[in-house]
Amino acid sequence: MNKAELITAMASKADLSKKDVEIALKAFIDVVSDELKNGEKIQLVGFGTFDTSERAAREGRNPQTGEPMKIAASKAPRFKAGKALKDIINAR
């Protein structure tokens, strides 16, 4: 499912216009991005938690030449599914 399909599905499920859903989805993405950038986490009980993980600096290899190269430390976004979401996915 791509973004346009998600907007269409959300609009029909919530009985809202696609434009309103698009605005709400953009606001959600912006808020989550800003909070993660500031080192915060977002916890949606039953759905999951958005947070960041620290990646340490390390040495890697250039795949074309095989030369060793340094990879800088960085932060990576992470999502951990909540129990209710896991139960929905695994329901038979």
N, C-alpha and C. Protein backbone atom coordinates (compact mmCIF):
# COMPACT_ATOMS: atom_id res chain seq x y z
N MET A 1 0.86 -1.17 0.00
CA MET A 1 0.00 0.00 0.00
C MET A 1 0.90 1.23 0.00
N ASN A 2 0.63 2.14 -0.91
CA ASN A 2 1.40 3.38 -0.95
C ASN A 2 0.62 4.49 -0.23
N LYS A 3 1.18 5.69 -0.21
CA LYS A 3 0.58 6.80 0.53
C LYS A 3 -0.82 7.14 0.00
N ALA A 4 -0.99 7.20 -1.31
CA ALA A 4 -2.29 7.53 -1.90
C ALA A 4 -3.34 6.49 -1.53
N GLU A 5 -2.96 5.22 -1.56
CA GLU A 5 -3.89 4.15 -1.20
C GLU A 5 -4.23 4.21 0.29
N LEU A 6 -3.26 4.55 1.12
CA LEU A 6 -3.50 4.71 2.55
C LEU A 6 -4.48 5.84 2.80
N ILE A 7 -4.30 6.96 2.14
CA ILE A 7 -5.20 8.10 2.29
C ILE A 7 -6.62 7.72 1.88
N THR A 8 -6.77 7.02 0.77
CA THR A 8 -8.08 6.59 0.31
C THR A 8 -8.74 5.65 1.32
N ALA A 9 -7.99 4.69 1.84
CA ALA A 9 -8.53 3.74 2.81
C ALA A 9 -8.93 4.43 4.11
N MET A 10 -8.08 5.35 4.57
CA MET A 10 -8.40 6.08 5.81
C MET A 10 -9.62 6.97 5.62
N ALA A 11 -9.75 7.60 4.46
CA ALA A 11 -10.88 8.48 4.19
C ALA A 11 -12.19 7.70 4.21
N SER A 12 -12.20 6.51 3.61
CA SER A 12 -13.44 5.73 3.59
C SER A 12 -13.75 5.17 4.98
N LYS A 13 -12.72 4.77 5.73
CA LYS A 13 -12.92 4.20 7.07
C LYS A 13 -13.43 5.26 8.06
N ALA A 14 -12.91 6.49 7.94
CA ALA A 14 -13.27 7.56 8.89
C ALA A 14 -14.38 8.47 8.36
N ASP A 15 -14.85 8.20 7.15
CA ASP A 15 -15.89 9.02 6.52
C ASP A 15 -15.47 10.50 6.48
N LEU A 16 -14.24 10.72 6.02
CA LEU A 16 -13.69 12.07 5.86
C LEU A 16 -13.28 12.26 4.41
N SER A 17 -13.03 13.51 4.04
CA SER A 17 -12.55 13.77 2.69
C SER A 17 -11.08 13.37 2.59
N LYS A 18 -10.65 13.04 1.38
CA LYS A 18 -9.26 12.68 1.17
C LYS A 18 -8.34 13.83 1.54
N LYS A 19 -8.77 15.07 1.27
CA LYS A 19 -7.95 16.25 1.58
C LYS A 19 -7.73 16.36 3.09
N ASP A 20 -8.81 16.15 3.88
CA ASP A 20 -8.68 16.21 5.34
C ASP A 20 -7.76 15.11 5.86
N VAL A 21 -7.89 13.92 5.31
CA VAL A 21 -7.03 12.80 5.73
C VAL A 21 -5.59 13.07 5.35
N GLU A 22 -5.36 13.63 4.17
CA GLU A 22 -4.00 13.95 3.74
C GLU A 22 -3.36 14.96 4.68
N ILE A 23 -4.13 15.97 5.11
CA ILE A 23 -3.62 16.98 6.05
C ILE A 23 -3.29 16.32 7.40
N ALA A 24 -4.19 15.46 7.87
CA ALA A 24 -3.97 14.78 9.15
C ALA A 24 -2.76 13.86 9.09
N LEU A 25 -2.62 13.12 7.99
CA LEU A 25 -1.49 12.21 7.84
C LEU A 25 -0.17 12.97 7.79
N LYS A 26 -0.15 14.08 7.06
CA LYS A 26 1.06 14.91 6.99
C LYS A 26 1.41 15.45 8.38
N ALA A 27 0.40 15.90 9.13
CA ALA A 27 0.64 16.41 10.48
C ALA A 27 1.20 15.30 11.38
N PHE A 28 0.66 14.09 11.27
CA PHE A 28 1.15 12.96 12.06
C PHE A 28 2.61 12.67 11.74
N ILE A 29 2.93 12.61 10.46
CA ILE A 29 4.31 12.34 10.04
C ILE A 29 5.25 13.44 10.52
N ASP A 30 4.82 14.70 10.41
CA ASP A 30 5.65 15.83 10.86
C ASP A 30 5.90 15.79 12.36
N VAL A 31 4.86 15.51 13.14
CA VAL A 31 5.00 15.46 14.60
C VAL A 31 5.92 14.31 15.01
N VAL A 32 5.73 13.12 14.44
CA VAL A 32 6.58 11.97 14.77
C VAL A 32 8.02 12.27 14.39
N SER A 33 8.24 12.84 13.21
CA SER A 33 9.60 13.17 12.77
C SER A 33 10.27 14.17 13.70
N ASP A 34 9.53 15.23 14.07
CA ASP A 34 10.09 16.25 14.96
C ASP A 34 10.43 15.69 16.33
N GLU A 35 9.54 14.86 16.88
CA GLU A 35 9.79 14.28 18.20
C GLU A 35 11.00 13.35 18.17
N LEU A 36 11.11 12.52 17.14
CA LEU A 36 12.26 11.62 17.04
C LEU A 36 13.55 12.41 16.85
N LYS A 37 13.49 13.48 16.08
CA LYS A 37 14.67 14.33 15.87
C LYS A 37 15.14 14.93 17.19
N ASN A 38 14.18 15.24 18.09
CA ASN A 38 14.52 15.82 19.39
C ASN A 38 14.84 14.78 20.45
N GLY A 39 14.92 13.51 20.05
CA GLY A 39 15.30 12.46 20.99
C GLY A 39 14.15 11.93 21.82
N GLU A 40 12.92 12.30 21.50
CA GLU A 40 11.76 11.84 22.25
C GLU A 40 11.25 10.54 21.65
N LYS A 41 10.28 9.91 22.34
CA LYS A 41 9.65 8.73 21.77
C LYS A 41 8.14 8.93 21.81
N ILE A 42 7.44 8.29 20.89
CA ILE A 42 5.99 8.37 20.80
C ILE A 42 5.44 6.99 21.08
N GLN A 43 4.59 6.90 22.10
CA GLN A 43 4.04 5.61 22.49
C GLN A 43 2.53 5.64 22.28
N LEU A 44 2.04 4.81 21.38
CA LEU A 44 0.62 4.67 21.10
C LEU A 44 0.20 3.32 21.68
N VAL A 45 -0.42 3.35 22.86
CA VAL A 45 -0.75 2.13 23.57
C VAL A 45 -1.61 1.23 22.68
N GLY A 46 -1.23 -0.02 22.58
CA GLY A 46 -1.93 -0.99 21.77
C GLY A 46 -1.44 -1.06 20.34
N PHE A 47 -0.83 0.01 19.85
CA PHE A 47 -0.33 0.03 18.47
C PHE A 47 1.16 -0.19 18.44
N GLY A 48 1.92 0.67 19.13
CA GLY A 48 3.37 0.51 19.15
C GLY A 48 4.08 1.77 19.58
N THR A 49 5.40 1.72 19.53
CA THR A 49 6.25 2.82 19.97
C THR A 49 7.24 3.19 18.88
N PHE A 50 7.32 4.49 18.60
CA PHE A 50 8.33 5.03 17.70
C PHE A 50 9.43 5.61 18.56
N ASP A 51 10.68 5.24 18.30
CA ASP A 51 11.81 5.84 19.00
C ASP A 51 13.05 5.76 18.11
N THR A 52 14.19 6.14 18.67
CA THR A 52 15.43 6.08 17.89
C THR A 52 16.42 5.16 18.58
N SER A 53 17.33 4.61 17.80
CA SER A 53 18.41 3.81 18.35
C SER A 53 19.73 4.41 17.90
N GLU A 54 20.72 4.29 18.74
CA GLU A 54 22.04 4.83 18.45
C GLU A 54 22.86 3.78 17.71
N ARG A 55 23.49 4.18 16.65
CA ARG A 55 24.42 3.29 15.94
C ARG A 55 25.83 3.81 16.18
N ALA A 56 26.67 2.99 16.70
CA ALA A 56 28.05 3.39 17.01
C ALA A 56 28.86 3.53 15.72
N ALA A 57 29.90 4.33 15.79
CA ALA A 57 30.82 4.44 14.65
C ALA A 57 31.50 3.09 14.46
N ARG A 58 31.76 2.75 13.23
CA ARG A 58 32.39 1.45 12.97
C ARG A 58 33.18 1.52 11.67
N GLU A 59 33.91 0.46 11.42
CA GLU A 59 34.68 0.40 10.18
C GLU A 59 33.98 -0.56 9.23
N GLY A 60 33.79 -0.11 8.00
CA GLY A 60 33.17 -0.95 6.98
C GLY A 60 34.10 -1.08 5.80
N ARG A 61 33.58 -1.62 4.72
CA ARG A 61 34.38 -1.78 3.50
C ARG A 61 33.62 -1.20 2.33
N ASN A 62 34.36 -0.52 1.44
CA ASN A 62 33.80 -0.03 0.20
C ASN A 62 33.49 -1.26 -0.66
N PRO A 63 32.24 -1.47 -1.05
CA PRO A 63 31.91 -2.68 -1.80
C PRO A 63 32.55 -2.76 -3.18
N GLN A 64 32.91 -1.62 -3.75
CA GLN A 64 33.52 -1.65 -5.08
C GLN A 64 35.00 -1.97 -5.03
N THR A 65 35.70 -1.40 -4.03
CA THR A 65 37.15 -1.56 -3.98
C THR A 65 37.63 -2.48 -2.87
N GLY A 66 36.78 -2.72 -1.87
CA GLY A 66 37.20 -3.54 -0.74
C GLY A 66 38.03 -2.76 0.27
N GLU A 67 38.26 -1.46 0.01
CA GLU A 67 39.04 -0.62 0.93
C GLU A 67 38.28 -0.41 2.24
N PRO A 68 39.00 -0.45 3.37
CA PRO A 68 38.33 -0.13 4.64
C PRO A 68 37.93 1.35 4.66
N MET A 69 36.79 1.63 5.30
CA MET A 69 36.35 3.01 5.43
C MET A 69 35.62 3.18 6.75
N LYS A 70 35.64 4.38 7.28
CA LYS A 70 34.97 4.66 8.55
C LYS A 70 33.52 5.03 8.28
N ILE A 71 32.62 4.46 9.08
CA ILE A 71 31.21 4.79 9.02
C ILE A 71 30.89 5.54 10.30
N ALA A 72 30.39 6.77 10.16
CA ALA A 72 30.14 7.64 11.31
C ALA A 72 28.99 7.11 12.16
N ALA A 73 29.00 7.49 13.44
CA ALA A 73 27.89 7.17 14.33
C ALA A 73 26.65 7.89 13.84
N SER A 74 25.48 7.28 14.07
CA SER A 74 24.23 7.90 13.63
C SER A 74 23.07 7.40 14.49
N LYS A 75 21.93 8.05 14.30
CA LYS A 75 20.69 7.62 14.94
C LYS A 75 19.80 7.03 13.86
N ALA A 76 19.03 6.01 14.22
CA ALA A 76 18.13 5.38 13.27
C ALA A 76 16.73 5.32 13.88
N PRO A 77 15.69 5.63 13.11
CA PRO A 77 14.33 5.51 13.63
C PRO A 77 13.98 4.03 13.80
N ARG A 78 13.12 3.78 14.79
CA ARG A 78 12.75 2.40 15.08
C ARG A 78 11.27 2.36 15.48
N PHE A 79 10.58 1.30 15.11
CA PHE A 79 9.19 1.08 15.52
C PHE A 79 9.09 -0.28 16.16
N LYS A 80 8.50 -0.32 17.34
CA LYS A 80 8.28 -1.60 18.03
C LYS A 80 6.77 -1.78 18.17
N ALA A 81 6.25 -2.84 17.57
CA ALA A 81 4.81 -3.10 17.60
C ALA A 81 4.35 -3.43 19.01
N GLY A 82 3.16 -2.95 19.35
CA GLY A 82 2.55 -3.24 20.64
C GLY A 82 1.86 -4.60 20.64
N LYS A 83 1.49 -5.07 21.82
CA LYS A 83 0.89 -6.39 21.96
C LYS A 83 -0.42 -6.50 21.19
N ALA A 84 -1.27 -5.48 21.27
CA ALA A 84 -2.56 -5.54 20.58
C ALA A 84 -2.38 -5.67 19.07
N LEU A 85 -1.42 -4.92 18.50
CA LEU A 85 -1.15 -5.01 17.06
C LEU A 85 -0.61 -6.40 16.70
N LYS A 86 0.27 -6.93 17.52
CA LYS A 86 0.80 -8.28 17.28
C LYS A 86 -0.30 -9.32 17.33
N ASP A 87 -1.23 -9.16 18.29
CA ASP A 87 -2.35 -10.11 18.42
C ASP A 87 -3.26 -10.05 17.20
N ILE A 88 -3.52 -8.84 16.66
CA ILE A 88 -4.35 -8.69 15.47
C ILE A 88 -3.70 -9.39 14.29
N ILE A 89 -2.40 -9.18 14.13
CA ILE A 89 -1.68 -9.76 13.00
C ILE A 89 -1.64 -11.28 13.10
N ASN A 90 -1.49 -11.79 14.30
CA ASN A 90 -1.34 -13.23 14.49
C ASN A 90 -2.66 -13.98 14.73
N ALA A 91 -3.79 -13.26 14.73
CA ALA A 91 -5.09 -13.91 14.94
C ALA A 91 -5.39 -14.84 13.77
N ARG A 92 -5.94 -15.98 14.09
CA ARG A 92 -6.24 -16.96 13.02
C ARG A 92 -7.72 -17.16 12.92
